[in-house]
Amino acid sequence: MADQATLRTNGPAAARANAFGNSPGTVGASAGGGNGTGPGDVVGNVAEFGENLLTLGELQARLASIELRQSIEAAKVGGLVFLTGAVLAVTSLPVLLTGVAELLVSEWGLKPGYALLGVGLVALAIAGASMAIAGSRLRRAAIGFPLTREEFARNLNWVRTVMLHSGRSVRRR
């Protein structure tokens, strides 16, 4: 990975610095009073920083778009099979529960109403427990755009570093 904290001296800022009479290697050494920075350098550095921010935003959007396409492509077949299975399970569930209730009526001699009510309550309890377990696991799962989130955090850290250290001279030992 390239060092994101280094600044190029041959990019747009250097071209703008040349317009103010500086050579390409002396972007920070213009005749701006003795502090080493002139008005052209400040404008050029701000413009280059803005350009870098726009480039980061564009690259972040591209990465999110690529990840979205990959996620959709990966979910097509699996999602269709899952949806088919879910529809089949939901449509067969009433038949299954009614069969269990009928067995309770015929084998244990329960009244039909009590058997249906008991089977329905047990099925509801199992469904609630399943949903609670699935919900807790989904909260811990890394779903979404993990690469985009990671890269966005890196970009924000880079911007913070540049903003924190902008305008400071480098100490030489």
N, C-alpha and C. Protein backbone atom coordinates (compact mmCIF):
# COMPACT_ATOMS: atom_id res chain seq x y z
N MET A 1 0.84 -1.17 0.00
CA MET A 1 0.00 0.00 0.00
C MET A 1 0.88 1.23 0.00
N ALA A 2 0.52 2.23 -0.74
CA ALA A 2 1.30 3.44 -0.84
C ALA A 2 1.14 4.27 0.43
N ASP A 3 2.17 5.05 0.75
CA ASP A 3 2.11 5.92 1.91
C ASP A 3 1.23 7.11 1.58
N GLN A 4 0.08 7.20 2.24
CA GLN A 4 -0.88 8.24 1.90
C GLN A 4 -0.53 9.58 2.51
N ALA A 5 0.46 9.64 3.40
CA ALA A 5 0.79 10.90 4.05
C ALA A 5 1.78 11.72 3.25
N THR A 6 2.39 11.14 2.21
CA THR A 6 3.35 11.90 1.42
C THR A 6 2.61 12.74 0.39
N LEU A 7 3.17 13.88 0.09
CA LEU A 7 2.57 14.79 -0.88
C LEU A 7 3.40 14.79 -2.15
N ARG A 8 2.75 14.82 -3.27
CA ARG A 8 3.45 14.87 -4.55
C ARG A 8 3.89 16.31 -4.82
N THR A 9 5.08 16.45 -5.43
CA THR A 9 5.52 17.79 -5.82
C THR A 9 5.50 17.95 -7.33
N ASN A 10 4.94 16.98 -8.02
CA ASN A 10 4.88 17.09 -9.47
C ASN A 10 3.44 17.11 -9.98
N GLY A 11 2.49 17.31 -9.10
CA GLY A 11 1.07 17.30 -9.48
C GLY A 11 0.56 18.69 -9.76
N PRO A 12 -0.74 18.91 -9.60
CA PRO A 12 -1.36 20.20 -9.89
C PRO A 12 -0.79 21.33 -9.03
N ALA A 13 -0.43 21.04 -7.78
CA ALA A 13 0.10 22.09 -6.92
C ALA A 13 1.44 22.58 -7.45
N ALA A 14 2.27 21.66 -7.96
CA ALA A 14 3.56 22.06 -8.50
C ALA A 14 3.37 22.90 -9.76
N ALA A 15 2.39 22.54 -10.57
CA ALA A 15 2.11 23.33 -11.77
C ALA A 15 1.65 24.72 -11.40
N ARG A 16 0.81 24.82 -10.37
CA ARG A 16 0.36 26.14 -9.92
C ARG A 16 1.52 26.93 -9.31
N ALA A 17 2.43 26.22 -8.62
CA ALA A 17 3.58 26.90 -8.03
C ALA A 17 4.47 27.45 -9.12
N ASN A 18 4.60 26.74 -10.24
CA ASN A 18 5.40 27.23 -11.36
C ASN A 18 4.81 28.52 -11.93
N ALA A 19 3.51 28.65 -11.85
CA ALA A 19 2.87 29.86 -12.36
C ALA A 19 3.26 31.08 -11.53
N PHE A 20 3.69 30.86 -10.28
CA PHE A 20 4.10 31.97 -9.42
C PHE A 20 5.61 32.14 -9.41
N GLY A 21 6.28 31.44 -10.30
CA GLY A 21 7.72 31.67 -10.44
C GLY A 21 8.58 30.69 -9.67
N ASN A 22 8.06 29.63 -9.19
CA ASN A 22 8.86 28.63 -8.46
C ASN A 22 9.25 27.51 -9.39
N SER A 23 10.33 26.85 -9.07
CA SER A 23 10.69 25.66 -9.83
C SER A 23 9.94 24.48 -9.24
N PRO A 24 9.79 23.37 -9.99
CA PRO A 24 8.99 22.25 -9.51
C PRO A 24 9.44 21.67 -8.18
N GLY A 25 10.70 21.71 -7.85
CA GLY A 25 11.17 21.13 -6.61
C GLY A 25 11.08 22.06 -5.42
N THR A 26 10.68 23.31 -5.62
CA THR A 26 10.67 24.29 -4.54
C THR A 26 9.27 24.81 -4.30
N VAL A 27 8.34 23.92 -4.12
CA VAL A 27 6.95 24.33 -3.90
C VAL A 27 6.81 25.12 -2.62
N GLY A 28 7.54 24.76 -1.58
CA GLY A 28 7.39 25.44 -0.30
C GLY A 28 8.35 26.59 -0.11
N ALA A 29 9.13 26.99 -1.10
CA ALA A 29 10.14 28.01 -0.91
C ALA A 29 9.89 29.22 -1.78
N SER A 30 8.71 29.76 -1.75
CA SER A 30 8.44 30.95 -2.55
C SER A 30 8.75 32.19 -1.75
N ALA A 31 8.67 33.31 -2.40
CA ALA A 31 8.99 34.59 -1.75
C ALA A 31 7.76 35.12 -1.05
N GLY A 32 7.32 34.48 -0.03
CA GLY A 32 6.12 34.89 0.67
C GLY A 32 6.43 35.54 1.99
N GLY A 33 7.53 36.17 2.12
CA GLY A 33 7.82 36.86 3.35
C GLY A 33 8.93 36.18 4.11
N GLY A 34 9.44 35.13 4.02
CA GLY A 34 10.48 34.59 4.86
C GLY A 34 10.02 33.38 5.64
N ASN A 35 8.73 33.11 5.68
CA ASN A 35 8.28 31.92 6.38
C ASN A 35 8.26 30.71 5.45
N GLY A 36 8.57 30.87 4.19
CA GLY A 36 8.67 29.74 3.28
C GLY A 36 7.39 29.43 2.54
N THR A 37 6.33 30.16 2.77
CA THR A 37 5.09 29.90 2.04
C THR A 37 4.55 31.20 1.50
N GLY A 38 4.09 31.14 0.29
CA GLY A 38 3.49 32.32 -0.34
C GLY A 38 2.02 32.09 -0.57
N PRO A 39 1.32 33.11 -1.04
CA PRO A 39 -0.11 32.95 -1.27
C PRO A 39 -0.42 31.90 -2.33
N GLY A 40 0.45 31.76 -3.30
CA GLY A 40 0.22 30.75 -4.34
C GLY A 40 0.34 29.34 -3.79
N ASP A 41 1.27 29.16 -2.85
CA ASP A 41 1.45 27.84 -2.25
C ASP A 41 0.23 27.44 -1.44
N VAL A 42 -0.31 28.36 -0.67
CA VAL A 42 -1.48 28.06 0.16
C VAL A 42 -2.66 27.70 -0.72
N VAL A 43 -2.90 28.52 -1.74
CA VAL A 43 -4.02 28.25 -2.65
C VAL A 43 -3.81 26.92 -3.36
N GLY A 44 -2.59 26.68 -3.80
CA GLY A 44 -2.30 25.42 -4.49
C GLY A 44 -2.47 24.21 -3.59
N ASN A 45 -2.00 24.33 -2.35
CA ASN A 45 -2.13 23.20 -1.42
C ASN A 45 -3.59 22.94 -1.06
N VAL A 46 -4.35 24.01 -0.85
CA VAL A 46 -5.78 23.84 -0.55
C VAL A 46 -6.50 23.23 -1.74
N ALA A 47 -6.17 23.70 -2.93
CA ALA A 47 -6.81 23.15 -4.13
C ALA A 47 -6.45 21.68 -4.31
N GLU A 48 -5.17 21.34 -4.09
CA GLU A 48 -4.77 19.94 -4.24
C GLU A 48 -5.43 19.06 -3.17
N PHE A 49 -5.54 19.58 -1.94
CA PHE A 49 -6.20 18.82 -0.88
C PHE A 49 -7.67 18.60 -1.23
N GLY A 50 -8.34 19.63 -1.75
CA GLY A 50 -9.74 19.48 -2.18
C GLY A 50 -9.87 18.46 -3.30
N GLU A 51 -8.93 18.50 -4.22
CA GLU A 51 -8.93 17.53 -5.32
C GLU A 51 -8.73 16.12 -4.79
N ASN A 52 -7.84 15.96 -3.81
CA ASN A 52 -7.62 14.65 -3.20
C ASN A 52 -8.86 14.17 -2.47
N LEU A 53 -9.57 15.07 -1.79
CA LEU A 53 -10.81 14.68 -1.11
C LEU A 53 -11.86 14.22 -2.11
N LEU A 54 -11.98 14.94 -3.22
CA LEU A 54 -12.95 14.53 -4.24
C LEU A 54 -12.58 13.17 -4.83
N THR A 55 -11.29 12.95 -5.05
CA THR A 55 -10.85 11.66 -5.58
C THR A 55 -11.15 10.54 -4.58
N LEU A 56 -10.90 10.80 -3.29
CA LEU A 56 -11.22 9.80 -2.27
C LEU A 56 -12.71 9.49 -2.26
N GLY A 57 -13.55 10.51 -2.35
CA GLY A 57 -15.00 10.30 -2.38
C GLY A 57 -15.42 9.48 -3.58
N GLU A 58 -14.83 9.79 -4.73
CA GLU A 58 -15.17 9.04 -5.95
C GLU A 58 -14.74 7.58 -5.83
N LEU A 59 -13.54 7.35 -5.33
CA LEU A 59 -13.06 5.97 -5.16
C LEU A 59 -13.89 5.21 -4.14
N GLN A 60 -14.31 5.91 -3.07
CA GLN A 60 -15.16 5.28 -2.05
C GLN A 60 -16.49 4.85 -2.67
N ALA A 61 -17.07 5.70 -3.50
CA ALA A 61 -18.34 5.37 -4.16
C ALA A 61 -18.16 4.20 -5.13
N ARG A 62 -17.04 4.18 -5.85
CA ARG A 62 -16.78 3.06 -6.77
C ARG A 62 -16.66 1.75 -6.01
N LEU A 63 -15.94 1.77 -4.88
CA LEU A 63 -15.77 0.56 -4.08
C LEU A 63 -17.11 0.06 -3.56
N ALA A 64 -17.95 0.96 -3.09
CA ALA A 64 -19.28 0.57 -2.60
C ALA A 64 -20.11 -0.03 -3.73
N SER A 65 -20.01 0.55 -4.91
CA SER A 65 -20.76 0.05 -6.06
C SER A 65 -20.29 -1.35 -6.45
N ILE A 66 -19.01 -1.57 -6.46
CA ILE A 66 -18.46 -2.89 -6.80
C ILE A 66 -18.89 -3.92 -5.76
N GLU A 67 -18.81 -3.55 -4.48
CA GLU A 67 -19.22 -4.48 -3.43
C GLU A 67 -20.71 -4.80 -3.51
N LEU A 68 -21.52 -3.81 -3.85
CA LEU A 68 -22.96 -4.04 -3.99
C LEU A 68 -23.23 -5.01 -5.13
N ARG A 69 -22.56 -4.81 -6.27
CA ARG A 69 -22.75 -5.73 -7.40
C ARG A 69 -22.31 -7.14 -7.04
N GLN A 70 -21.19 -7.28 -6.33
CA GLN A 70 -20.71 -8.60 -5.93
C GLN A 70 -21.69 -9.26 -4.97
N SER A 71 -22.25 -8.49 -4.05
CA SER A 71 -23.20 -9.05 -3.09
C SER A 71 -24.47 -9.51 -3.79
N ILE A 72 -24.96 -8.71 -4.72
CA ILE A 72 -26.17 -9.08 -5.46
C ILE A 72 -25.92 -10.33 -6.29
N GLU A 73 -24.77 -10.38 -6.95
CA GLU A 73 -24.45 -11.55 -7.78
C GLU A 73 -24.34 -12.81 -6.93
N ALA A 74 -23.74 -12.69 -5.75
CA ALA A 74 -23.57 -13.86 -4.87
C ALA A 74 -24.91 -14.31 -4.29
N ALA A 75 -25.83 -13.39 -4.13
CA ALA A 75 -27.11 -13.72 -3.49
C ALA A 75 -28.18 -14.18 -4.48
N LYS A 76 -27.94 -14.09 -5.77
CA LYS A 76 -28.97 -14.45 -6.75
C LYS A 76 -29.42 -15.90 -6.60
N VAL A 77 -28.52 -16.84 -6.78
CA VAL A 77 -28.90 -18.26 -6.76
C VAL A 77 -29.29 -18.69 -5.35
N GLY A 78 -28.45 -18.37 -4.38
CA GLY A 78 -28.74 -18.74 -3.01
C GLY A 78 -30.03 -18.11 -2.50
N GLY A 79 -30.27 -16.87 -2.88
CA GLY A 79 -31.49 -16.19 -2.46
C GLY A 79 -32.73 -16.82 -3.06
N LEU A 80 -32.64 -17.23 -4.32
CA LEU A 80 -33.78 -17.87 -4.98
C LEU A 80 -34.09 -19.23 -4.33
N VAL A 81 -33.06 -20.01 -4.04
CA VAL A 81 -33.27 -21.30 -3.39
C VAL A 81 -33.84 -21.10 -1.99
N PHE A 82 -33.29 -20.13 -1.26
CA PHE A 82 -33.79 -19.84 0.09
C PHE A 82 -35.25 -19.40 0.04
N LEU A 83 -35.59 -18.53 -0.89
CA LEU A 83 -36.97 -18.04 -1.00
C LEU A 83 -37.92 -19.19 -1.34
N THR A 84 -37.51 -20.07 -2.23
CA THR A 84 -38.35 -21.23 -2.57
C THR A 84 -38.56 -22.12 -1.34
N GLY A 85 -37.50 -22.39 -0.61
CA GLY A 85 -37.62 -23.20 0.60
C GLY A 85 -38.49 -22.53 1.66
N ALA A 86 -38.36 -21.21 1.81
CA ALA A 86 -39.17 -20.50 2.80
C ALA A 86 -40.65 -20.55 2.44
N VAL A 87 -40.98 -20.37 1.17
CA VAL A 87 -42.38 -20.44 0.74
C VAL A 87 -42.93 -21.84 0.98
N LEU A 88 -42.16 -22.86 0.65
CA LEU A 88 -42.60 -24.23 0.87
C LEU A 88 -42.80 -24.52 2.36
N ALA A 89 -41.89 -24.05 3.20
CA ALA A 89 -42.01 -24.29 4.64
C ALA A 89 -43.23 -23.57 5.21
N VAL A 90 -43.46 -22.35 4.79
CA VAL A 90 -44.61 -21.59 5.32
C VAL A 90 -45.93 -22.21 4.87
N THR A 91 -45.98 -22.68 3.64
CA THR A 91 -47.25 -23.26 3.16
C THR A 91 -47.50 -24.65 3.76
N SER A 92 -46.46 -25.39 4.12
CA SER A 92 -46.67 -26.72 4.69
C SER A 92 -46.85 -26.70 6.20
N LEU A 93 -46.53 -25.60 6.84
CA LEU A 93 -46.62 -25.52 8.29
C LEU A 93 -48.04 -25.74 8.83
N PRO A 94 -49.09 -25.13 8.27
CA PRO A 94 -50.44 -25.40 8.80
C PRO A 94 -50.85 -26.87 8.68
N VAL A 95 -50.47 -27.51 7.59
CA VAL A 95 -50.81 -28.92 7.41
C VAL A 95 -50.10 -29.76 8.46
N LEU A 96 -48.84 -29.48 8.70
CA LEU A 96 -48.06 -30.20 9.68
C LEU A 96 -48.63 -30.02 11.09
N LEU A 97 -48.93 -28.79 11.46
CA LEU A 97 -49.47 -28.53 12.80
C LEU A 97 -50.85 -29.15 12.99
N THR A 98 -51.66 -29.12 11.95
CA THR A 98 -52.98 -29.75 12.04
C THR A 98 -52.82 -31.27 12.20
N GLY A 99 -51.87 -31.86 11.51
CA GLY A 99 -51.61 -33.30 11.64
C GLY A 99 -51.18 -33.66 13.05
N VAL A 100 -50.33 -32.85 13.66
CA VAL A 100 -49.89 -33.11 15.03
C VAL A 100 -51.08 -33.01 15.98
N ALA A 101 -51.91 -32.00 15.79
CA ALA A 101 -53.09 -31.84 16.64
C ALA A 101 -54.05 -33.02 16.48
N GLU A 102 -54.24 -33.51 15.26
CA GLU A 102 -55.11 -34.67 15.01
C GLU A 102 -54.55 -35.92 15.69
N LEU A 103 -53.22 -36.08 15.67
CA LEU A 103 -52.62 -37.22 16.38
C LEU A 103 -52.86 -37.13 17.88
N LEU A 104 -52.77 -35.92 18.43
CA LEU A 104 -53.04 -35.76 19.86
C LEU A 104 -54.49 -36.09 20.19
N VAL A 105 -55.40 -35.75 19.28
CA VAL A 105 -56.81 -36.06 19.51
C VAL A 105 -57.05 -37.56 19.43
N SER A 106 -56.48 -38.21 18.40
CA SER A 106 -56.76 -39.64 18.21
C SER A 106 -55.99 -40.53 19.19
N GLU A 107 -54.76 -40.20 19.52
CA GLU A 107 -53.93 -41.06 20.36
C GLU A 107 -54.08 -40.77 21.85
N TRP A 108 -54.22 -39.51 22.23
CA TRP A 108 -54.27 -39.17 23.65
C TRP A 108 -55.68 -38.83 24.12
N GLY A 109 -56.58 -38.74 23.21
CA GLY A 109 -57.97 -38.48 23.54
C GLY A 109 -58.25 -37.04 23.97
N LEU A 110 -57.44 -36.10 23.53
CA LEU A 110 -57.68 -34.69 23.85
C LEU A 110 -58.85 -34.16 23.03
N LYS A 111 -59.46 -33.12 23.51
CA LYS A 111 -60.50 -32.45 22.72
C LYS A 111 -59.80 -31.72 21.58
N PRO A 112 -60.44 -31.65 20.39
CA PRO A 112 -59.80 -31.02 19.23
C PRO A 112 -59.36 -29.57 19.49
N GLY A 113 -60.15 -28.81 20.18
CA GLY A 113 -59.78 -27.41 20.45
C GLY A 113 -58.53 -27.29 21.29
N TYR A 114 -58.42 -28.11 22.36
CA TYR A 114 -57.24 -28.08 23.21
C TYR A 114 -55.99 -28.55 22.45
N ALA A 115 -56.16 -29.55 21.61
CA ALA A 115 -55.02 -30.06 20.84
C ALA A 115 -54.51 -29.00 19.87
N LEU A 116 -55.43 -28.35 19.15
CA LEU A 116 -55.02 -27.31 18.20
C LEU A 116 -54.37 -26.13 18.94
N LEU A 117 -54.94 -25.72 20.06
CA LEU A 117 -54.40 -24.62 20.84
C LEU A 117 -53.01 -24.96 21.38
N GLY A 118 -52.83 -26.16 21.89
CA GLY A 118 -51.53 -26.57 22.43
C GLY A 118 -50.46 -26.62 21.36
N VAL A 119 -50.79 -27.21 20.22
CA VAL A 119 -49.81 -27.29 19.13
C VAL A 119 -49.45 -25.89 18.63
N GLY A 120 -50.45 -25.01 18.52
CA GLY A 120 -50.19 -23.64 18.08
C GLY A 120 -49.28 -22.89 19.04
N LEU A 121 -49.50 -23.04 20.35
CA LEU A 121 -48.66 -22.37 21.35
C LEU A 121 -47.22 -22.89 21.34
N VAL A 122 -47.07 -24.20 21.21
CA VAL A 122 -45.71 -24.77 21.15
C VAL A 122 -44.99 -24.27 19.89
N ALA A 123 -45.69 -24.25 18.76
CA ALA A 123 -45.09 -23.76 17.51
C ALA A 123 -44.71 -22.29 17.64
N LEU A 124 -45.55 -21.50 18.28
CA LEU A 124 -45.26 -20.07 18.49
C LEU A 124 -44.05 -19.89 19.40
N ALA A 125 -43.90 -20.69 20.43
CA ALA A 125 -42.75 -20.60 21.33
C ALA A 125 -41.45 -20.97 20.60
N ILE A 126 -41.52 -22.01 19.77
CA ILE A 126 -40.34 -22.40 19.00
C ILE A 126 -39.96 -21.31 18.01
N ALA A 127 -40.96 -20.72 17.37
CA ALA A 127 -40.69 -19.64 16.41
C ALA A 127 -40.08 -18.43 17.11
N GLY A 128 -40.58 -18.07 18.27
CA GLY A 128 -40.03 -16.93 19.01
C GLY A 128 -38.60 -17.16 19.43
N ALA A 129 -38.31 -18.36 19.93
CA ALA A 129 -36.94 -18.67 20.33
C ALA A 129 -36.00 -18.65 19.13
N SER A 130 -36.46 -19.17 18.01
CA SER A 130 -35.63 -19.17 16.79
C SER A 130 -35.34 -17.75 16.33
N MET A 131 -36.36 -16.89 16.37
CA MET A 131 -36.17 -15.50 15.94
C MET A 131 -35.22 -14.76 16.89
N ALA A 132 -35.30 -15.03 18.19
CA ALA A 132 -34.40 -14.38 19.14
C ALA A 132 -32.95 -14.80 18.92
N ILE A 133 -32.73 -16.09 18.68
CA ILE A 133 -31.37 -16.59 18.42
C ILE A 133 -30.83 -16.01 17.12
N ALA A 134 -31.66 -16.00 16.07
CA ALA A 134 -31.22 -15.46 14.78
C ALA A 134 -30.93 -13.97 14.89
N GLY A 135 -31.75 -13.24 15.63
CA GLY A 135 -31.52 -11.80 15.80
C GLY A 135 -30.22 -11.50 16.50
N SER A 136 -29.90 -12.27 17.53
CA SER A 136 -28.64 -12.03 18.25
C SER A 136 -27.43 -12.36 17.37
N ARG A 137 -27.56 -13.40 16.55
CA ARG A 137 -26.45 -13.74 15.65
C ARG A 137 -26.29 -12.72 14.53
N LEU A 138 -27.40 -12.20 14.02
CA LEU A 138 -27.31 -11.21 12.95
C LEU A 138 -26.69 -9.91 13.45
N ARG A 139 -26.93 -9.54 14.69
CA ARG A 139 -26.33 -8.32 15.22
C ARG A 139 -24.81 -8.43 15.29
N ARG A 140 -24.30 -9.64 15.53
CA ARG A 140 -22.86 -9.84 15.63
C ARG A 140 -22.21 -10.11 14.29
N ALA A 141 -22.98 -10.41 13.27
CA ALA A 141 -22.42 -10.77 11.97
C ALA A 141 -21.93 -9.53 11.22
N ALA A 142 -20.90 -9.73 10.42
CA ALA A 142 -20.35 -8.64 9.60
C ALA A 142 -21.07 -8.62 8.26
N ILE A 143 -22.27 -8.04 8.27
CA ILE A 143 -23.07 -7.96 7.07
C ILE A 143 -22.95 -6.55 6.51
N GLY A 144 -23.00 -6.43 5.21
CA GLY A 144 -22.98 -5.11 4.61
C GLY A 144 -21.78 -4.93 3.70
N PHE A 145 -21.06 -3.84 3.92
CA PHE A 145 -19.94 -3.47 3.07
C PHE A 145 -18.67 -3.40 3.90
N PRO A 146 -18.08 -4.54 4.25
CA PRO A 146 -16.92 -4.50 5.13
C PRO A 146 -15.71 -3.80 4.51
N LEU A 147 -15.44 -4.02 3.23
CA LEU A 147 -14.29 -3.37 2.60
C LEU A 147 -14.51 -1.86 2.49
N THR A 148 -15.73 -1.47 2.15
CA THR A 148 -16.03 -0.05 2.03
C THR A 148 -15.90 0.63 3.39
N ARG A 149 -16.41 0.00 4.44
CA ARG A 149 -16.31 0.57 5.78
C ARG A 149 -14.85 0.73 6.20
N GLU A 150 -14.04 -0.30 5.94
CA GLU A 150 -12.63 -0.26 6.32
C GLU A 150 -11.88 0.83 5.54
N GLU A 151 -12.13 0.90 4.25
CA GLU A 151 -11.45 1.90 3.42
C GLU A 151 -11.90 3.31 3.79
N PHE A 152 -13.17 3.47 4.12
CA PHE A 152 -13.68 4.78 4.54
C PHE A 152 -13.00 5.22 5.83
N ALA A 153 -12.82 4.29 6.76
CA ALA A 153 -12.13 4.62 8.01
C ALA A 153 -10.69 5.03 7.74
N ARG A 154 -10.01 4.32 6.83
CA ARG A 154 -8.64 4.70 6.46
C ARG A 154 -8.59 6.09 5.83
N ASN A 155 -9.56 6.36 4.94
CA ASN A 155 -9.59 7.67 4.29
C ASN A 155 -9.82 8.78 5.31
N LEU A 156 -10.73 8.56 6.26
CA LEU A 156 -10.97 9.57 7.29
C LEU A 156 -9.72 9.79 8.14
N ASN A 157 -9.01 8.72 8.47
CA ASN A 157 -7.77 8.86 9.24
C ASN A 157 -6.73 9.64 8.46
N TRP A 158 -6.65 9.39 7.15
CA TRP A 158 -5.71 10.12 6.31
C TRP A 158 -6.05 11.60 6.30
N VAL A 159 -7.34 11.92 6.13
CA VAL A 159 -7.75 13.33 6.12
C VAL A 159 -7.43 13.97 7.46
N ARG A 160 -7.70 13.30 8.56
CA ARG A 160 -7.38 13.85 9.88
C ARG A 160 -5.89 14.10 10.02
N THR A 161 -5.06 13.15 9.55
CA THR A 161 -3.61 13.30 9.64
C THR A 161 -3.14 14.49 8.83
N VAL A 162 -3.64 14.61 7.61
CA VAL A 162 -3.24 15.73 6.75
C VAL A 162 -3.67 17.05 7.36
N MET A 163 -4.89 17.09 7.89
CA MET A 163 -5.37 18.34 8.50
C MET A 163 -4.58 18.67 9.76
N LEU A 164 -4.22 17.67 10.54
CA LEU A 164 -3.48 17.89 11.78
C LEU A 164 -2.08 18.40 11.50
N HIS A 165 -1.43 17.85 10.49
CA HIS A 165 -0.03 18.18 10.22
C HIS A 165 0.14 19.19 9.09
N SER A 166 -0.92 19.73 8.55
CA SER A 166 -0.77 20.68 7.45
C SER A 166 -0.21 21.99 7.98
N GLY A 167 0.71 22.55 7.25
CA GLY A 167 1.30 23.82 7.62
C GLY A 167 2.45 23.71 8.59
N ARG A 168 2.74 22.53 9.10
CA ARG A 168 3.87 22.35 10.02
C ARG A 168 5.11 21.99 9.22
N SER A 169 6.21 22.55 9.61
CA SER A 169 7.45 22.22 8.93
C SER A 169 7.98 20.90 9.47
N VAL A 170 8.71 20.18 8.65
CA VAL A 170 9.27 18.89 9.03
C VAL A 170 10.57 19.15 9.78
N ARG A 171 10.72 18.58 10.96
CA ARG A 171 11.95 18.73 11.73
C ARG A 171 12.99 17.78 11.18
N ARG A 172 14.17 18.30 10.98
CA ARG A 172 15.28 17.47 10.50
C ARG A 172 16.27 17.28 11.63
N ARG A 173 16.74 16.05 11.79
CA ARG A 173 17.67 15.75 12.88
C ARG A 173 19.07 15.63 12.36
